[in-house]
C-alpha atoms as a PDB file:
ATOM      1  CA  MET A   1      21.775 -67.943-139.753  1.00  0.00           C
ATOM      2  CA  ASN A   2      20.101 -66.606-136.592  1.00  0.00           C
ATOM      3  CA  GLN A   3      17.840 -69.006-134.706  1.00  0.00           C
ATOM      4  CA  LYS A   4      14.819 -67.590-132.939  1.00  0.00           C
ATOM      5  CA  GLY A   5      13.370 -69.069-129.750  1.00  0.00           C
ATOM      6  CA  ARG A   6      14.327 -69.749-126.179  1.00  0.00           C
ATOM      7  CA  SER A   7      17.122 -71.931-124.938  1.00  0.00           C
ATOM      8  CA  MET A   8      16.486 -74.767-122.500  1.00  0.00           C
ATOM      9  CA  VAL A   9      18.251 -72.822-119.735  1.00  0.00           C
ATOM     10  CA  GLU A  10      15.954 -69.844-120.242  1.00  0.00           C
ATOM     11  CA  MET A  11      12.865 -72.064-120.189  1.00  0.00           C
ATOM     12  CA  LEU A  12      14.024 -73.776-116.994  1.00  0.00           C
ATOM     13  CA  GLY A  13      14.628 -70.368-115.425  1.00  0.00           C
ATOM     14  CA  VAL A  14      11.091 -69.250-116.301  1.00  0.00           C
ATOM     15  CA  LEU A  15       9.647 -72.484-114.891  1.00  0.00           C
ATOM     16  CA  ALA A  16      11.655 -72.049-111.681  1.00  0.00           C
ATOM     17  CA  ILE A  17      10.327 -68.504-111.235  1.00  0.00           C
ATOM     18  CA  ILE A  18       6.762 -69.704-111.846  1.00  0.00           C
ATOM     19  CA  GLY A  19       7.296 -72.482-109.284  1.00  0.00           C
ATOM     20  CA  VAL A  20       8.534 -70.074-106.620  1.00  0.00           C
ATOM     21  CA  LEU A  21       5.646 -67.674-107.230  1.00  0.00           C
ATOM     22  CA  SER A  22       3.138 -70.547-107.113  1.00  0.00           C
ATOM     23  CA  ALA A  23       4.541 -71.853-103.825  1.00  0.00           C
ATOM     24  CA  GLY A  24       4.332 -68.387-102.289  1.00  0.00           C
ATOM     25  CA  GLY A  25       0.774 -67.988-103.565  1.00  0.00           C
ATOM     26  CA  LEU A  26      -0.272 -71.347-102.110  1.00  0.00           C
ATOM     27  CA  ALA A  27       1.262 -70.502 -98.734  1.00  0.00           C
ATOM     28  CA  GLY A  28      -0.588 -67.175 -98.692  1.00  0.00           C
ATOM     29  CA  TYR A  29      -3.827 -68.881 -99.738  1.00  0.00           C
ATOM     30  CA  SER A  30      -3.435 -71.526 -97.026  1.00  0.00           C
ATOM     31  CA  LYS A  31      -2.845 -68.834 -94.387  1.00  0.00           C
ATOM     32  CA  ALA A  32      -5.866 -66.843 -95.604  1.00  0.00           C
ATOM     33  CA  MET A  33      -8.101 -69.941 -95.524  1.00  0.00           C
ATOM     34  CA  PHE A  34      -6.995 -70.765 -91.965  1.00  0.00           C
ATOM     35  CA  ARG A  35      -7.731 -67.195 -90.850  1.00  0.00           C
ATOM     36  CA  HIS A  36     -11.151 -67.468 -92.522  1.00  0.00           C
ATOM     37  CA  ARG A  37     -11.945 -70.719 -90.649  1.00  0.00           C
ATOM     38  CA  VAL A  38     -10.835 -69.130 -87.371  1.00  0.00           C
ATOM     39  CA  ASN A  39     -13.066 -66.098 -87.984  1.00  0.00           C
ATOM     40  CA  GLN A  40     -15.991 -68.371 -88.863  1.00  0.00           C
ATOM     41  CA  THR A  41     -15.475 -70.336 -85.643  1.00  0.00           C
ATOM     42  CA  ILE A  42     -15.334 -67.157 -83.553  1.00  0.00           C
ATOM     43  CA  ASP A  43     -18.504 -65.820 -85.224  1.00  0.00           C
ATOM     44  CA  ILE A  44     -20.340 -69.105 -84.659  1.00  0.00           C
ATOM     45  CA  PHE A  45     -19.343 -69.296 -81.004  1.00  0.00           C
ATOM     46  CA  GLN A  46     -20.268 -65.659 -80.378  1.00  0.00           C
ATOM     47  CA  GLY A  47     -23.703 -66.497 -81.823  1.00  0.00           C
ATOM     48  CA  VAL A  48     -23.934 -69.522 -79.517  1.00  0.00           C
ATOM     49  CA  LEU A  49     -23.129 -67.338 -76.499  1.00  0.00           C
ATOM     50  CA  GLN A  50     -25.778 -64.822 -77.551  1.00  0.00           C
ATOM     51  CA  ARG A  51     -28.414 -67.590 -77.898  1.00  0.00           C
ATOM     52  CA  PHE A  52     -27.287 -69.003 -74.549  1.00  0.00           C
ATOM     53  CA  ALA A  53     -27.912 -65.603 -72.927  1.00  0.00           C
ATOM     54  CA  GLU A  54     -31.400 -65.564 -74.494  1.00  0.00           C
ATOM     55  CA  LEU A  55     -32.048 -69.092 -73.193  1.00  0.00           C
ATOM     56  CA  GLU A  56     -31.148 -67.952 -69.684  1.00  0.00           C
ATOM     57  CA  GLY A  57     -33.956 -65.405 -69.867  1.00  0.00           C
ATOM     58  CA  LYS A  58     -36.551 -68.202 -70.010  1.00  0.00           C
ATOM     59  CA  ASP A  59     -38.021 -70.089 -67.068  1.00  0.00           C
ATOM     60  CA  LEU A  60     -36.034 -73.337 -67.280  1.00  0.00           C
ATOM     61  CA  GLY A  61     -36.983 -74.818 -63.920  1.00  0.00           C
ATOM     62  CA  ASP A  62     -34.740 -76.632 -61.449  1.00  0.00           C
ATOM     63  CA  ASN A  63     -34.381 -79.896 -63.421  1.00  0.00           C
ATOM     64  CA  PHE A  64     -33.200 -78.397 -66.707  1.00  0.00           C
ATOM     65  CA  GLU A  65     -30.266 -80.100 -68.426  1.00  0.00           C
ATOM     66  CA  LEU A  66     -28.471 -79.319 -71.672  1.00  0.00           C
ATOM     67  CA  CYS A  67     -25.714 -81.719 -72.689  1.00  0.00           C
ATOM     68  CA  GLY A  68     -24.362 -82.709 -76.090  1.00  0.00           C
ATOM     69  CA  SER A  69     -25.263 -81.998 -79.693  1.00  0.00           C
ATOM     70  CA  GLU A  70     -28.929 -83.063 -79.515  1.00  0.00           C
ATOM     71  CA  ASP A  71     -29.673 -80.591 -76.737  1.00  0.00           C
ATOM     72  CA  MET A  72     -27.668 -77.858 -78.469  1.00  0.00           C
ATOM     73  CA  ILE A  73     -29.966 -78.309 -81.479  1.00  0.00           C
ATOM     74  CA  LYS A  74     -33.115 -78.696 -79.346  1.00  0.00           C
ATOM     75  CA  TYR A  75     -32.543 -75.476 -77.416  1.00  0.00           C
ATOM     76  CA  GLY A  76     -31.346 -73.484 -80.432  1.00  0.00           C
ATOM     77  CA  LEU A  77     -27.724 -72.937 -79.410  1.00  0.00           C
ATOM     78  CA  MET A  78     -26.487 -74.411 -82.685  1.00  0.00           C
ATOM     79  CA  PRO A  79     -29.471 -75.299 -84.892  1.00  0.00           C
ATOM     80  CA  ASN A  80     -27.293 -76.234 -87.906  1.00  0.00           C
ATOM     81  CA  CYS A  81     -25.179 -78.663 -85.905  1.00  0.00           C
ATOM     82  CA  GLU A  82     -23.189 -81.314 -87.728  1.00  0.00           C
ATOM     83  CA  GLU A  83     -22.417 -83.956 -85.107  1.00  0.00           C
ATOM     84  CA  ALA A  84     -18.777 -84.734 -84.352  1.00  0.00           C
ATOM     85  CA  VAL A  85     -16.787 -86.278 -81.503  1.00  0.00           C
ATOM     86  CA  GLY A  86     -14.763 -83.678 -79.679  1.00  0.00           C
ATOM     87  CA  ASP A  87     -13.764 -84.406 -76.108  1.00  0.00           C
ATOM     88  CA  TYR A  88     -11.938 -87.321 -74.557  1.00  0.00           C
ATOM     89  CA  ASN A  89     -15.093 -89.188 -73.539  1.00  0.00           C
ATOM     90  CA  SER A  90     -16.440 -89.512 -77.096  1.00  0.00           C
ATOM     91  CA  VAL A  91     -19.442 -87.296 -76.335  1.00  0.00           C
ATOM     92  CA  LYS A  92     -20.966 -85.916 -79.517  1.00  0.00           C
ATOM     93  CA  GLY A  93     -20.688 -82.188 -80.014  1.00  0.00           C
ATOM     94  CA  CYS A  94     -21.127 -79.884 -83.022  1.00  0.00           C
ATOM     95  CA  LYS A  95     -18.478 -79.493 -85.687  1.00  0.00           C
ATOM     96  CA  LEU A  96     -16.816 -76.082 -86.012  1.00  0.00           C
ATOM     97  CA  PRO A  97     -14.562 -74.919 -88.874  1.00  0.00           C
ATOM     98  CA  ILE A  98     -11.497 -75.451 -86.614  1.00  0.00           C
ATOM     99  CA  GLY A  99     -12.778 -77.873 -83.983  1.00  0.00           C
ATOM    100  CA  VAL A 100     -15.763 -79.295 -82.112  1.00  0.00           C
ATOM    101  CA  LEU A 101     -18.084 -77.523 -79.667  1.00  0.00           C
ATOM    102  CA  ASP A 102     -19.902 -79.260 -76.842  1.00  0.00           C
ATOM    103  CA  ALA A 103     -21.897 -77.864 -73.951  1.00  0.00           C
ATOM    104  CA  CYS A 104     -23.069 -79.274 -70.649  1.00  0.00           C
ATOM    105  CA  PHE A 105     -25.321 -77.192 -68.403  1.00  0.00           C
ATOM    106  CA  GLY A 106     -27.839 -77.696 -65.639  1.00  0.00           C
ATOM    107  CA  THR A 107     -29.857 -75.501 -63.330  1.00  0.00           C
ATOM    108  CA  GLU A 108     -29.466 -74.942 -59.623  1.00  0.00           C
ATOM    109  CA  ASN A 109     -32.091 -72.755 -57.993  1.00  0.00           C
ATOM    110  CA  SER A 110     -33.217 -71.928 -61.546  1.00  0.00           C
ATOM    111  CA  ILE A 111     -29.742 -70.562 -62.409  1.00  0.00           C
ATOM    112  CA  LEU A 112     -27.771 -72.117 -65.278  1.00  0.00           C
ATOM    113  CA  HIS A 113     -24.231 -73.259 -64.630  1.00  0.00           C
ATOM    114  CA  GLY A 114     -21.829 -75.503 -66.511  1.00  0.00           C
ATOM    115  CA  GLU A 115     -19.372 -75.164 -69.361  1.00  0.00           C
ATOM    116  CA  PHE A 116     -18.755 -74.986 -73.063  1.00  0.00           C
ATOM    117  CA  GLU A 117     -15.969 -77.238 -74.341  1.00  0.00           C
ATOM    118  CA  ILE A 118     -14.100 -76.429 -77.543  1.00  0.00           C
ATOM    119  CA  THR A 119     -11.850 -79.252 -78.759  1.00  0.00           C
ATOM    120  CA  LEU A 120      -9.048 -78.171 -81.101  1.00  0.00           C
ATOM    121  CA  THR A 121      -6.432 -80.285 -82.876  1.00  0.00           C
ATOM    122  CA  ASP A 122      -3.321 -78.090 -82.821  1.00  0.00           C
ATOM    123  CA  SER A 123      -1.652 -75.210 -81.016  1.00  0.00           C
ATOM    124  CA  LYS A 124      -2.087 -72.836 -83.966  1.00  0.00           C
ATOM    125  CA  SER A 125      -5.894 -73.168 -83.761  1.00  0.00           C
ATOM    126  CA  CYS A 126      -5.799 -72.852 -79.975  1.00  0.00           C
ATOM    127  CA  VAL A 127      -3.770 -69.623 -80.064  1.00  0.00           C
ATOM    128  CA  ALA A 128      -5.937 -68.109 -82.800  1.00  0.00           C
ATOM    129  CA  PHE A 129      -9.142 -68.946 -80.922  1.00  0.00           C
ATOM    130  CA  LEU A 130      -8.026 -67.669 -77.505  1.00  0.00           C
ATOM    131  CA  SER A 131      -6.583 -64.476 -79.014  1.00  0.00           C
ATOM    132  CA  ALA A 132     -10.057 -63.214 -79.945  1.00  0.00           C
ATOM    133  CA  LYS A 133     -11.646 -60.457 -77.828  1.00  0.00           C
ATOM    134  CA  TRP A 134     -13.783 -62.827 -75.754  1.00  0.00           C
ATOM    135  CA  GLU A 135     -13.828 -60.524 -72.741  1.00  0.00           C
ATOM    136  CA  ASN A 136     -16.215 -58.317 -74.744  1.00  0.00           C
ATOM    137  CA  VAL A 137     -18.693 -61.194 -75.116  1.00  0.00           C
ATOM    138  CA  ILE A 138     -18.805 -62.612 -71.573  1.00  0.00           C
ATOM    139  CA  GLN A 139     -22.017 -61.603 -69.800  1.00  0.00           C
ATOM    140  CA  PRO A 140     -21.364 -59.865 -66.439  1.00  0.00           C
ATOM    141  CA  ASP A 141     -24.061 -61.908 -64.695  1.00  0.00           C
ATOM    142  CA  TRP A 142     -22.257 -65.149 -65.596  1.00  0.00           C
ATOM    143  CA  ILE A 143     -19.506 -64.114 -63.172  1.00  0.00           C
ATOM    144  CA  THR A 144     -20.315 -65.345 -59.679  1.00  0.00           C
ATOM    145  CA  GLU A 145     -17.571 -67.621 -58.313  1.00  0.00           C
ATOM    146  CA  ASN A 146     -14.082 -66.891 -56.991  1.00  0.00           C
ATOM    147  CA  ASN A 147     -12.154 -68.399 -59.869  1.00  0.00           C
ATOM    148  CA  SER A 148      -9.997 -66.785 -62.522  1.00  0.00           C
ATOM    149  CA  GLY A 149      -9.098 -67.848 -66.039  1.00  0.00           C
ATOM    150  CA  LEU A 150      -7.523 -66.272 -69.092  1.00  0.00           C
ATOM    151  CA  PHE A 151      -8.903 -62.790 -68.556  1.00  0.00           C
ATOM    152  CA  GLY A 152      -8.625 -62.723 -64.778  1.00  0.00           C
ATOM    153  CA  MET A 153     -12.416 -62.627 -64.493  1.00  0.00           C
ATOM    154  CA  THR A 154     -14.182 -64.733 -61.917  1.00  0.00           C
ATOM    155  CA  GLY A 155     -16.756 -67.422 -62.568  1.00  0.00           C
ATOM    156  CA  ALA A 156     -16.974 -67.102 -66.350  1.00  0.00           C
ATOM    157  CA  ASP A 157     -13.685 -67.496 -68.132  1.00  0.00           C
ATOM    158  CA  PHE A 158     -11.537 -69.585 -70.480  1.00  0.00           C
ATOM    159  CA  TYR A 159      -9.214 -72.309 -69.228  1.00  0.00           C
ATOM    160  CA  ALA A 160      -6.536 -73.700 -71.555  1.00  0.00           C
ATOM    161  CA  PRO A 161      -5.088 -77.186 -71.107  1.00  0.00           C
ATOM    162  CA  GLY A 162      -1.481 -76.255 -70.365  1.00  0.00           C
ATOM    163  CA  TRP A 163      -2.080 -73.585 -67.737  1.00  0.00           C
ATOM    164  CA  SER A 164      -1.340 -73.827 -64.057  1.00  0.00           C
ATOM    165  CA  ASN A 165      -3.295 -71.770 -61.532  1.00  0.00           C
ATOM    166  CA  SER A 166      -0.573 -69.118 -61.483  1.00  0.00           C
ATOM    167  CA  ASP A 167      -0.863 -68.676 -65.272  1.00  0.00           C
ATOM    168  CA  GLU A 168      -4.621 -68.277 -65.444  1.00  0.00           C
ATOM    169  CA  ALA A 169      -4.882 -64.513 -65.027  1.00  0.00           C
ATOM    170  CA  ASP A 170      -2.049 -63.775 -67.478  1.00  0.00           C
ATOM    171  CA  VAL A 171      -3.606 -62.682 -70.781  1.00  0.00           C
ATOM    172  CA  SER A 172      -0.263 -62.189 -72.565  1.00  0.00           C
ATOM    173  CA  MET A 173       0.276 -63.781 -75.959  1.00  0.00           C
ATOM    174  CA  ASN A 174       3.280 -65.648 -74.550  1.00  0.00           C
ATOM    175  CA  ASN A 175       1.068 -67.294 -71.911  1.00  0.00           C
ATOM    176  CA  ILE A 176      -1.567 -68.229 -74.497  1.00  0.00           C
ATOM    177  CA  ILE A 177       1.107 -69.790 -76.733  1.00  0.00           C
ATOM    178  CA  ASN A 178       2.645 -71.722 -73.839  1.00  0.00           C
ATOM    179  CA  GLY A 179      -0.750 -73.003 -72.707  1.00  0.00           C
ATOM    180  CA  CYS A 180      -1.710 -74.101 -76.214  1.00  0.00           C
ATOM    181  CA  GLN A 181       1.472 -76.138 -76.839  1.00  0.00           C
ATOM    182  CA  VAL A 182      -0.231 -79.071 -75.120  1.00  0.00           C
ATOM    183  CA  CYS A 183      -2.519 -79.365 -78.165  1.00  0.00           C
ATOM    184  CA  ASP A 184       0.396 -80.514 -80.353  1.00  0.00           C
ATOM    185  CA  GLU A 185       1.615 -82.953 -77.716  1.00  0.00           C
ATOM    186  CA  ARG A 186      -1.828 -84.552 -77.302  1.00  0.00           C
ATOM    187  CA  GLU A 187      -2.934 -84.111 -80.927  1.00  0.00           C
ATOM    188  CA  LYS A 188      -6.054 -82.464 -79.541  1.00  0.00           C
ATOM    189  CA  CYS A 189      -6.920 -80.361 -76.536  1.00  0.00           C
ATOM    190  CA  MET A 190      -9.966 -78.911 -74.899  1.00  0.00           C
ATOM    191  CA  ILE A 191     -10.528 -75.279 -74.001  1.00  0.00           C
ATOM    192  CA  GLU A 192     -13.289 -74.705 -71.477  1.00  0.00           C
ATOM    193  CA  LEU A 193     -15.487 -71.674 -70.970  1.00  0.00           C
ATOM    194  CA  ALA A 194     -16.915 -72.103 -67.485  1.00  0.00           C
ATOM    195  CA  ILE A 195     -20.144 -70.293 -66.660  1.00  0.00           C
ATOM    196  CA  ARG A 196     -20.494 -69.962 -62.886  1.00  0.00           C
ATOM    197  CA  GLY A 197     -18.170 -72.936 -62.691  1.00  0.00           C
ATOM    198  CA  GLU A 198     -15.694 -73.933 -60.024  1.00  0.00           C
ATOM    199  CA  TYR A 199     -12.013 -74.481 -60.843  1.00  0.00           C
END
């Protein structure tokens, strides 16, 4: 008499194949979600920079100050800000999909200067963020001082936590990766975008 059905070995084989396919699918999904959060963060920060440029066009006076999440909301840099602690001094910034954004600016002779601070938790986020085409977003009139950062520009540029002065003008992926390794060692790190800042 012939018995119909599957043996236990066959069933286990099918389950093993399903398990492998599921694991691969989850890894791909996780990678896609991370890329999506990175893209969201880049889009948000590009919007912040655009609103910052618009803010500069207004008469702010010599005593203007913008620091922390409340001022970022007040002056429209990030109106939908969800407060979060980002930097090492527990100053409240605005939550990003892959980190926290803070800003601190003042005026000198009616010209804004200061920095944006982006706090990230790991080297993967740091590398993904710095690899974006930020040099296309930096306003030429933000560049006034004799300092160089990631893109070798002066006055307005990114500074990563693990860079020395000799590394700053090197935009290679290897340099970005090396600079971002500090994030894993510290469990968080801060990237700074200085506008007319001195380093």
